């Protein structure tokens, strides 16, 4: 099981009461489904737990970030089983952390832009579309990122 921390008081406002949270977060993930199946979402005291299967490490990461970048969510516990659709090696049950070194997470700071982040991580500001594509489910417009938002930084 992987567990990531998020800024609880920021993000997309999806639910008005804790009773609605799990259903709204599940709907949010399924609308831009990154490759997750049989999704079950549990919300309790600001912690989201995701269960189901993912087609890839990337799909599991994206679902995790989609849940975490929701206002009211402080942590996401992922119990998604990664079962590659292409027949590749499956991850151990309950493991969704990307393979070591494959991805890094970054929390947006005041003054950040995708070009500045690309320059910092890749040494080339023109690589910002790579960041946008890797985070399309949580960034709808490359000019509209917000402080506290957590994104994926693919290494490969």
N, C-alpha and C. Protein backbone atom coordinates (compact mmCIF):
# COMPACT_ATOMS: atom_id res chain seq x y z
N UNK A 1 0.84 -1.17 0.00
CA UNK A 1 0.00 0.00 0.00
C UNK A 1 0.89 1.24 0.00
N UNK A 2 0.55 2.18 -0.83
CA UNK A 2 1.28 3.45 -0.82
C UNK A 2 0.38 4.52 -0.22
N UNK A 3 1.02 5.52 0.41
CA UNK A 3 0.29 6.59 1.07
C UNK A 3 0.99 7.90 0.74
N UNK A 4 0.24 8.85 0.19
CA UNK A 4 0.79 10.17 -0.12
C UNK A 4 0.02 11.23 0.64
N UNK A 5 0.76 12.26 1.06
CA UNK A 5 0.16 13.42 1.73
C UNK A 5 -0.17 14.49 0.71
N UNK A 6 -1.26 15.21 0.98
CA UNK A 6 -1.70 16.31 0.12
C UNK A 6 -2.10 17.50 0.99
N UNK A 7 -2.19 18.67 0.38
CA UNK A 7 -2.65 19.87 1.07
C UNK A 7 -4.17 19.78 1.17
N UNK A 8 -4.68 19.52 2.36
CA UNK A 8 -6.10 19.24 2.58
C UNK A 8 -7.02 20.41 2.27
N UNK A 9 -6.54 21.64 2.47
CA UNK A 9 -7.42 22.79 2.35
C UNK A 9 -7.46 23.41 0.96
N UNK A 10 -6.82 22.78 -0.02
CA UNK A 10 -6.86 23.30 -1.39
C UNK A 10 -7.24 22.19 -2.36
N UNK A 11 -7.46 22.56 -3.60
CA UNK A 11 -7.78 21.58 -4.63
C UNK A 11 -9.19 21.77 -5.15
N UNK A 12 -9.58 20.87 -6.00
CA UNK A 12 -10.91 20.93 -6.61
C UNK A 12 -11.97 20.64 -5.55
N UNK A 13 -12.96 21.49 -5.47
CA UNK A 13 -14.03 21.33 -4.50
C UNK A 13 -15.11 20.45 -5.11
N UNK A 14 -15.17 19.20 -4.67
CA UNK A 14 -16.10 18.24 -5.27
C UNK A 14 -17.28 17.87 -4.37
N UNK A 15 -17.10 17.97 -3.08
CA UNK A 15 -18.17 17.50 -2.20
C UNK A 15 -18.47 18.52 -1.11
N UNK A 16 -19.71 18.46 -0.63
CA UNK A 16 -20.13 19.41 0.40
C UNK A 16 -20.20 18.78 1.78
N UNK A 17 -20.22 17.47 1.84
CA UNK A 17 -20.24 16.80 3.14
C UNK A 17 -19.43 15.51 3.05
N UNK A 18 -18.88 15.06 4.17
CA UNK A 18 -18.09 13.82 4.16
C UNK A 18 -18.87 12.61 3.64
N UNK A 19 -20.19 12.64 3.81
CA UNK A 19 -21.02 11.52 3.35
C UNK A 19 -21.02 11.41 1.83
N UNK A 20 -20.84 12.54 1.14
CA UNK A 20 -20.82 12.56 -0.33
C UNK A 20 -19.43 12.31 -0.91
N UNK A 21 -18.41 12.42 -0.09
CA UNK A 21 -17.03 12.46 -0.58
C UNK A 21 -16.64 11.24 -1.42
N UNK A 22 -16.84 10.04 -0.92
CA UNK A 22 -16.39 8.85 -1.63
C UNK A 22 -17.03 8.75 -3.02
N UNK A 23 -18.33 8.97 -3.09
CA UNK A 23 -19.03 8.88 -4.38
C UNK A 23 -18.55 9.95 -5.35
N UNK A 24 -18.36 11.17 -4.85
CA UNK A 24 -17.92 12.27 -5.72
C UNK A 24 -16.48 12.06 -6.21
N UNK A 25 -15.61 11.57 -5.35
CA UNK A 25 -14.22 11.31 -5.75
C UNK A 25 -14.17 10.17 -6.76
N UNK A 26 -14.96 9.13 -6.53
CA UNK A 26 -15.02 8.02 -7.49
C UNK A 26 -15.50 8.51 -8.84
N UNK A 27 -16.56 9.31 -8.86
CA UNK A 27 -17.09 9.87 -10.10
C UNK A 27 -16.02 10.71 -10.81
N UNK A 28 -15.30 11.52 -10.04
CA UNK A 28 -14.24 12.37 -10.59
C UNK A 28 -13.17 11.54 -11.28
N UNK A 29 -12.74 10.47 -10.65
CA UNK A 29 -11.70 9.61 -11.24
C UNK A 29 -12.25 8.90 -12.48
N UNK A 30 -13.45 8.40 -12.40
CA UNK A 30 -14.03 7.66 -13.53
C UNK A 30 -14.32 8.54 -14.73
N UNK A 31 -14.56 9.85 -14.52
CA UNK A 31 -14.82 10.75 -15.66
C UNK A 31 -13.61 10.86 -16.58
N UNK A 32 -12.42 10.91 -16.02
CA UNK A 32 -11.18 10.97 -16.80
C UNK A 32 -10.38 9.70 -16.60
N UNK A 33 -11.07 8.58 -16.55
CA UNK A 33 -10.46 7.32 -16.14
C UNK A 33 -9.10 7.08 -16.79
N UNK A 34 -8.06 7.06 -15.95
CA UNK A 34 -6.71 6.86 -16.47
C UNK A 34 -6.35 5.40 -16.71
N UNK A 35 -7.30 4.47 -16.53
CA UNK A 35 -7.02 3.04 -16.71
C UNK A 35 -7.21 2.27 -15.41
N UNK A 36 -8.24 2.64 -14.64
CA UNK A 36 -8.53 1.98 -13.37
C UNK A 36 -9.89 1.29 -13.51
N UNK A 37 -9.96 0.07 -13.00
CA UNK A 37 -11.18 -0.74 -13.12
C UNK A 37 -11.64 -1.22 -11.75
N UNK A 38 -12.95 -1.48 -11.64
CA UNK A 38 -13.55 -1.95 -10.38
C UNK A 38 -13.15 -1.05 -9.22
N UNK A 39 -13.21 0.25 -9.44
CA UNK A 39 -12.78 1.23 -8.45
C UNK A 39 -13.72 1.28 -7.26
N UNK A 40 -13.13 1.23 -6.09
CA UNK A 40 -13.85 1.42 -4.84
C UNK A 40 -13.12 2.53 -4.10
N UNK A 41 -13.86 3.52 -3.62
CA UNK A 41 -13.29 4.67 -2.91
C UNK A 41 -13.91 4.74 -1.53
N UNK A 42 -13.04 4.86 -0.53
CA UNK A 42 -13.48 5.04 0.85
C UNK A 42 -12.91 6.37 1.32
N UNK A 43 -13.75 7.17 2.00
CA UNK A 43 -13.31 8.45 2.55
C UNK A 43 -13.62 8.46 4.04
N UNK A 44 -12.59 8.72 4.84
CA UNK A 44 -12.78 8.81 6.28
C UNK A 44 -11.79 9.79 6.88
N UNK A 45 -12.29 10.81 7.53
CA UNK A 45 -11.46 11.81 8.21
C UNK A 45 -10.36 12.39 7.33
N UNK A 46 -10.70 12.72 6.09
CA UNK A 46 -9.74 13.34 5.18
C UNK A 46 -8.79 12.37 4.49
N UNK A 47 -8.97 11.08 4.73
CA UNK A 47 -8.12 10.06 4.10
C UNK A 47 -8.95 9.28 3.09
N UNK A 48 -8.45 9.21 1.87
CA UNK A 48 -9.10 8.44 0.81
C UNK A 48 -8.33 7.14 0.63
N UNK A 49 -9.06 6.04 0.51
CA UNK A 49 -8.45 4.76 0.17
C UNK A 49 -9.03 4.32 -1.17
N UNK A 50 -8.13 4.01 -2.11
CA UNK A 50 -8.54 3.55 -3.44
C UNK A 50 -8.27 2.05 -3.55
N UNK A 51 -9.26 1.33 -4.05
CA UNK A 51 -9.11 -0.11 -4.29
C UNK A 51 -9.62 -0.42 -5.69
N UNK A 52 -9.06 -1.45 -6.29
CA UNK A 52 -9.44 -1.86 -7.63
C UNK A 52 -8.21 -2.33 -8.37
N UNK A 53 -8.25 -2.26 -9.69
CA UNK A 53 -7.09 -2.65 -10.49
C UNK A 53 -6.75 -1.52 -11.46
N UNK A 54 -5.48 -1.41 -11.76
CA UNK A 54 -4.99 -0.40 -12.70
C UNK A 54 -4.24 -1.11 -13.82
N UNK A 55 -4.36 -0.54 -15.02
CA UNK A 55 -3.69 -1.12 -16.19
C UNK A 55 -2.19 -0.91 -16.18
N UNK A 56 -1.72 0.06 -15.40
CA UNK A 56 -0.29 0.39 -15.39
C UNK A 56 0.05 1.16 -14.12
N UNK A 57 1.36 1.29 -13.88
CA UNK A 57 1.82 2.12 -12.77
C UNK A 57 1.33 3.56 -12.96
N UNK A 58 1.40 4.03 -14.19
CA UNK A 58 0.99 5.39 -14.50
C UNK A 58 -0.49 5.61 -14.18
N UNK A 59 -1.33 4.65 -14.54
CA UNK A 59 -2.76 4.76 -14.26
C UNK A 59 -3.02 4.83 -12.76
N UNK A 60 -2.33 4.00 -11.99
CA UNK A 60 -2.48 4.01 -10.54
C UNK A 60 -2.04 5.34 -9.96
N UNK A 61 -0.90 5.85 -10.44
CA UNK A 61 -0.41 7.16 -9.97
C UNK A 61 -1.40 8.27 -10.28
N UNK A 62 -1.94 8.25 -11.48
CA UNK A 62 -2.87 9.31 -11.88
C UNK A 62 -4.14 9.26 -11.03
N UNK A 63 -4.67 8.08 -10.75
CA UNK A 63 -5.85 7.97 -9.90
C UNK A 63 -5.54 8.50 -8.50
N UNK A 64 -4.38 8.17 -8.00
CA UNK A 64 -3.96 8.64 -6.69
C UNK A 64 -3.89 10.16 -6.65
N UNK A 65 -3.30 10.77 -7.67
CA UNK A 65 -3.21 12.23 -7.73
C UNK A 65 -4.57 12.89 -7.93
N UNK A 66 -5.42 12.27 -8.72
CA UNK A 66 -6.75 12.82 -8.92
C UNK A 66 -7.51 12.88 -7.59
N UNK A 67 -7.40 11.83 -6.79
CA UNK A 67 -8.07 11.81 -5.49
C UNK A 67 -7.42 12.81 -4.53
N UNK A 68 -6.11 12.91 -4.55
CA UNK A 68 -5.40 13.76 -3.61
C UNK A 68 -5.53 15.24 -3.88
N UNK A 69 -5.75 15.62 -5.13
CA UNK A 69 -5.89 17.03 -5.47
C UNK A 69 -7.34 17.50 -5.37
N UNK A 70 -8.05 16.95 -4.40
CA UNK A 70 -9.43 17.33 -4.10
C UNK A 70 -9.44 18.01 -2.73
N UNK A 71 -10.12 19.12 -2.66
CA UNK A 71 -10.23 19.84 -1.39
C UNK A 71 -10.87 18.95 -0.34
N UNK A 72 -10.27 18.89 0.84
CA UNK A 72 -10.78 18.05 1.92
C UNK A 72 -10.02 16.75 2.07
N UNK A 73 -9.14 16.44 1.12
CA UNK A 73 -8.36 15.21 1.15
C UNK A 73 -6.94 15.55 1.60
N UNK A 74 -6.51 14.92 2.69
CA UNK A 74 -5.17 15.16 3.21
C UNK A 74 -4.21 14.03 2.93
N UNK A 75 -4.74 12.84 2.73
CA UNK A 75 -3.91 11.67 2.43
C UNK A 75 -4.68 10.74 1.49
N UNK A 76 -3.92 10.03 0.67
CA UNK A 76 -4.52 9.00 -0.17
C UNK A 76 -3.74 7.70 0.04
N UNK A 77 -4.46 6.68 0.41
CA UNK A 77 -3.90 5.34 0.55
C UNK A 77 -4.35 4.55 -0.67
N UNK A 78 -3.40 4.03 -1.40
CA UNK A 78 -3.74 3.29 -2.61
C UNK A 78 -3.50 1.81 -2.41
N UNK A 79 -4.56 1.06 -2.61
CA UNK A 79 -4.49 -0.40 -2.57
C UNK A 79 -4.84 -0.97 -3.95
N UNK A 80 -4.58 -0.17 -4.98
CA UNK A 80 -4.84 -0.61 -6.35
C UNK A 80 -3.82 -1.68 -6.74
N UNK A 81 -4.31 -2.75 -7.33
CA UNK A 81 -3.42 -3.77 -7.86
C UNK A 81 -3.09 -3.38 -9.30
N UNK A 82 -1.83 -3.37 -9.63
CA UNK A 82 -1.41 -3.01 -10.99
C UNK A 82 -1.30 -4.30 -11.80
N UNK A 83 -2.18 -4.42 -12.80
CA UNK A 83 -2.22 -5.59 -13.67
C UNK A 83 -2.15 -5.10 -15.10
N UNK A 84 -0.95 -5.01 -15.66
CA UNK A 84 -0.78 -4.43 -17.00
C UNK A 84 -1.63 -5.14 -18.05
N UNK A 85 -2.36 -4.32 -18.82
CA UNK A 85 -3.20 -4.84 -19.90
C UNK A 85 -2.36 -5.46 -21.01
N UNK A 86 -1.08 -5.03 -21.11
CA UNK A 86 -0.22 -5.54 -22.17
C UNK A 86 0.46 -6.86 -21.83
N UNK A 87 0.10 -7.43 -20.66
CA UNK A 87 0.69 -8.71 -20.26
C UNK A 87 2.03 -8.57 -19.57
N UNK A 88 2.44 -7.35 -19.29
CA UNK A 88 3.70 -7.12 -18.59
C UNK A 88 3.63 -7.62 -17.16
N UNK A 89 4.71 -7.49 -16.44
CA UNK A 89 4.78 -7.97 -15.07
C UNK A 89 3.81 -7.20 -14.18
N UNK A 90 3.04 -7.93 -13.40
CA UNK A 90 2.11 -7.31 -12.47
C UNK A 90 2.84 -6.93 -11.19
N UNK A 91 2.32 -5.91 -10.55
CA UNK A 91 2.87 -5.49 -9.26
C UNK A 91 2.30 -6.38 -8.17
N UNK A 92 2.98 -6.51 -7.06
CA UNK A 92 2.42 -7.26 -5.94
C UNK A 92 1.08 -6.65 -5.51
N UNK A 93 0.15 -7.47 -5.08
CA UNK A 93 -1.16 -7.00 -4.62
C UNK A 93 -0.98 -5.89 -3.59
N UNK A 94 -1.72 -4.80 -3.77
CA UNK A 94 -1.67 -3.71 -2.82
C UNK A 94 -0.51 -2.75 -3.03
N UNK A 95 0.28 -2.95 -4.06
CA UNK A 95 1.42 -2.07 -4.31
C UNK A 95 1.14 -1.20 -5.52
N UNK A 96 1.23 0.11 -5.35
CA UNK A 96 1.03 0.98 -6.49
C UNK A 96 2.11 2.02 -6.65
N UNK A 97 3.02 2.09 -5.72
CA UNK A 97 4.10 3.06 -5.89
C UNK A 97 4.82 2.73 -7.18
N UNK A 98 5.07 3.73 -7.98
CA UNK A 98 5.76 3.51 -9.25
C UNK A 98 7.12 2.87 -8.98
N UNK A 99 7.66 2.14 -9.95
CA UNK A 99 8.97 1.55 -9.74
C UNK A 99 9.97 2.62 -9.32
N UNK A 100 10.89 2.31 -8.41
CA UNK A 100 11.84 3.30 -7.92
C UNK A 100 12.52 4.07 -9.05
N UNK A 101 12.51 5.39 -8.92
CA UNK A 101 13.17 6.24 -9.91
C UNK A 101 12.36 6.56 -11.14
N UNK A 102 11.18 5.96 -11.31
CA UNK A 102 10.39 6.19 -12.52
C UNK A 102 9.62 7.50 -12.48
N UNK A 103 9.25 7.94 -11.30
CA UNK A 103 8.45 9.15 -11.16
C UNK A 103 8.78 9.82 -9.83
N UNK A 104 8.63 11.11 -9.83
CA UNK A 104 8.80 11.89 -8.61
C UNK A 104 7.55 12.76 -8.48
N UNK A 105 7.19 13.09 -7.26
CA UNK A 105 6.04 13.96 -7.04
C UNK A 105 6.54 15.34 -6.65
N UNK A 106 5.82 16.36 -7.11
CA UNK A 106 6.20 17.73 -6.81
C UNK A 106 4.95 18.51 -6.44
N UNK A 107 5.05 19.31 -5.38
CA UNK A 107 3.94 20.16 -4.96
C UNK A 107 4.21 21.58 -5.45
N UNK A 108 3.26 22.12 -6.21
CA UNK A 108 3.39 23.45 -6.81
C UNK A 108 3.58 24.50 -5.72
N UNK A 109 4.55 25.38 -5.94
CA UNK A 109 4.86 26.48 -5.03
C UNK A 109 4.44 27.80 -5.67
N UNK A 110 4.33 28.85 -4.85
CA UNK A 110 4.00 30.18 -5.36
C UNK A 110 5.02 30.59 -6.41
N UNK A 111 4.55 31.10 -7.54
CA UNK A 111 5.43 31.55 -8.62
C UNK A 111 5.80 30.48 -9.63
N UNK A 112 5.45 29.22 -9.37
CA UNK A 112 5.77 28.14 -10.31
C UNK A 112 4.96 28.25 -11.59
N UNK A 113 5.58 27.81 -12.67
CA UNK A 113 4.91 27.59 -13.95
C UNK A 113 5.39 26.23 -14.43
N UNK A 114 4.68 25.65 -15.38
CA UNK A 114 5.14 24.36 -15.90
C UNK A 114 6.49 24.51 -16.59
N UNK A 115 6.74 25.65 -17.23
CA UNK A 115 8.04 25.83 -17.88
C UNK A 115 9.15 25.91 -16.83
N UNK A 116 8.90 26.59 -15.72
CA UNK A 116 9.91 26.68 -14.66
C UNK A 116 10.17 25.30 -14.03
N UNK A 117 9.11 24.53 -13.86
CA UNK A 117 9.27 23.19 -13.29
C UNK A 117 10.03 22.29 -14.27
N UNK A 118 9.72 22.40 -15.56
CA UNK A 118 10.44 21.62 -16.57
C UNK A 118 11.92 21.99 -16.57
N UNK A 119 12.22 23.26 -16.47
CA UNK A 119 13.61 23.72 -16.42
C UNK A 119 14.32 23.12 -15.20
N UNK A 120 13.63 23.14 -14.08
CA UNK A 120 14.22 22.62 -12.83
C UNK A 120 14.50 21.11 -12.90
N UNK A 121 13.54 20.33 -13.40
CA UNK A 121 13.68 18.88 -13.37
C UNK A 121 14.35 18.29 -14.61
N UNK A 122 14.18 18.94 -15.76
CA UNK A 122 14.72 18.41 -17.01
C UNK A 122 15.84 19.26 -17.59
N UNK A 123 16.05 20.45 -17.03
CA UNK A 123 17.07 21.34 -17.55
C UNK A 123 16.67 22.03 -18.84
N UNK A 124 15.39 21.94 -19.20
CA UNK A 124 14.91 22.50 -20.47
C UNK A 124 13.46 22.94 -20.31
N UNK A 125 13.22 24.24 -20.30
CA UNK A 125 11.87 24.77 -20.12
C UNK A 125 10.90 24.31 -21.20
N UNK A 126 11.42 24.04 -22.39
CA UNK A 126 10.54 23.63 -23.50
C UNK A 126 9.97 22.22 -23.30
N UNK A 127 10.36 21.53 -22.23
CA UNK A 127 9.82 20.21 -21.92
C UNK A 127 8.51 20.27 -21.14
N UNK A 128 7.96 21.50 -20.96
CA UNK A 128 6.74 21.63 -20.16
C UNK A 128 5.58 20.79 -20.71
N UNK A 129 5.46 20.56 -22.05
CA UNK A 129 4.35 19.71 -22.50
C UNK A 129 4.43 18.29 -21.94
N UNK A 130 5.63 17.82 -21.68
CA UNK A 130 5.82 16.50 -21.08
C UNK A 130 5.16 16.45 -19.70
N UNK A 131 5.32 17.51 -18.93
CA UNK A 131 4.68 17.58 -17.61
C UNK A 131 3.17 17.67 -17.75
N UNK A 132 2.72 18.48 -18.69
CA UNK A 132 1.29 18.64 -18.90
C UNK A 132 0.65 17.30 -19.28
N UNK A 133 1.25 16.60 -20.23
CA UNK A 133 0.70 15.30 -20.67
C UNK A 133 0.70 14.28 -19.53
N UNK A 134 1.73 14.28 -18.70
CA UNK A 134 1.82 13.33 -17.60
C UNK A 134 0.80 13.61 -16.51
N UNK A 135 0.24 14.82 -16.52
CA UNK A 135 -0.69 15.23 -15.47
C UNK A 135 -2.02 15.74 -16.01
N UNK A 136 -2.35 15.35 -17.21
CA UNK A 136 -3.56 15.87 -17.88
C UNK A 136 -4.82 15.67 -17.05
N UNK A 137 -4.87 14.63 -16.24
CA UNK A 137 -6.07 14.38 -15.42
C UNK A 137 -6.20 15.38 -14.27
N UNK A 138 -5.10 15.97 -13.82
CA UNK A 138 -5.17 16.94 -12.73
C UNK A 138 -4.89 18.37 -13.18
N UNK A 139 -4.32 18.53 -14.36
CA UNK A 139 -4.08 19.86 -14.93
C UNK A 139 -4.87 19.94 -16.24
N UNK A 140 -5.93 20.72 -16.24
CA UNK A 140 -6.77 20.82 -17.44
C UNK A 140 -6.25 21.88 -18.42
N UNK A 141 -5.50 22.85 -17.90
CA UNK A 141 -4.96 23.93 -18.72
C UNK A 141 -3.54 24.20 -18.21
N UNK A 142 -2.53 24.12 -19.08
CA UNK A 142 -1.15 24.29 -18.62
C UNK A 142 -0.87 25.66 -18.01
N UNK A 143 -1.73 26.63 -18.25
CA UNK A 143 -1.56 27.95 -17.67
C UNK A 143 -2.32 28.11 -16.35
N UNK A 144 -2.98 27.04 -15.91
CA UNK A 144 -3.77 27.12 -14.68
C UNK A 144 -3.39 26.01 -13.71
N UNK A 145 -2.24 26.21 -13.06
CA UNK A 145 -1.84 25.33 -11.97
C UNK A 145 -2.00 26.15 -10.69
N UNK A 146 -2.09 25.47 -9.55
CA UNK A 146 -2.29 26.22 -8.32
C UNK A 146 -1.36 25.75 -7.22
N UNK A 147 -1.05 26.67 -6.33
CA UNK A 147 -0.17 26.39 -5.20
C UNK A 147 -0.76 25.25 -4.37
N UNK A 148 0.06 24.29 -4.05
CA UNK A 148 -0.37 23.14 -3.25
C UNK A 148 -0.76 21.93 -4.09
N UNK A 149 -0.96 22.11 -5.38
CA UNK A 149 -1.33 21.00 -6.27
C UNK A 149 -0.12 20.08 -6.39
N UNK A 150 -0.35 18.79 -6.31
CA UNK A 150 0.72 17.80 -6.45
C UNK A 150 0.65 17.19 -7.84
N UNK A 151 1.80 17.11 -8.50
CA UNK A 151 1.87 16.56 -9.85
C UNK A 151 2.96 15.50 -9.94
N UNK A 152 2.90 14.73 -11.01
CA UNK A 152 3.91 13.70 -11.30
C UNK A 152 5.02 14.32 -12.15
N UNK A 153 6.24 13.93 -11.87
CA UNK A 153 7.39 14.31 -12.69
C UNK A 153 8.00 13.01 -13.21
N UNK A 154 7.63 12.59 -14.44
CA UNK A 154 8.19 11.36 -14.99
C UNK A 154 9.70 11.52 -15.20
N UNK A 155 10.43 10.48 -14.87
CA UNK A 155 11.87 10.51 -15.00
C UNK A 155 12.36 9.92 -16.32
N UNK A 156 11.63 8.99 -16.85
CA UNK A 156 12.09 8.33 -18.09
C UNK A 156 11.71 9.10 -19.31
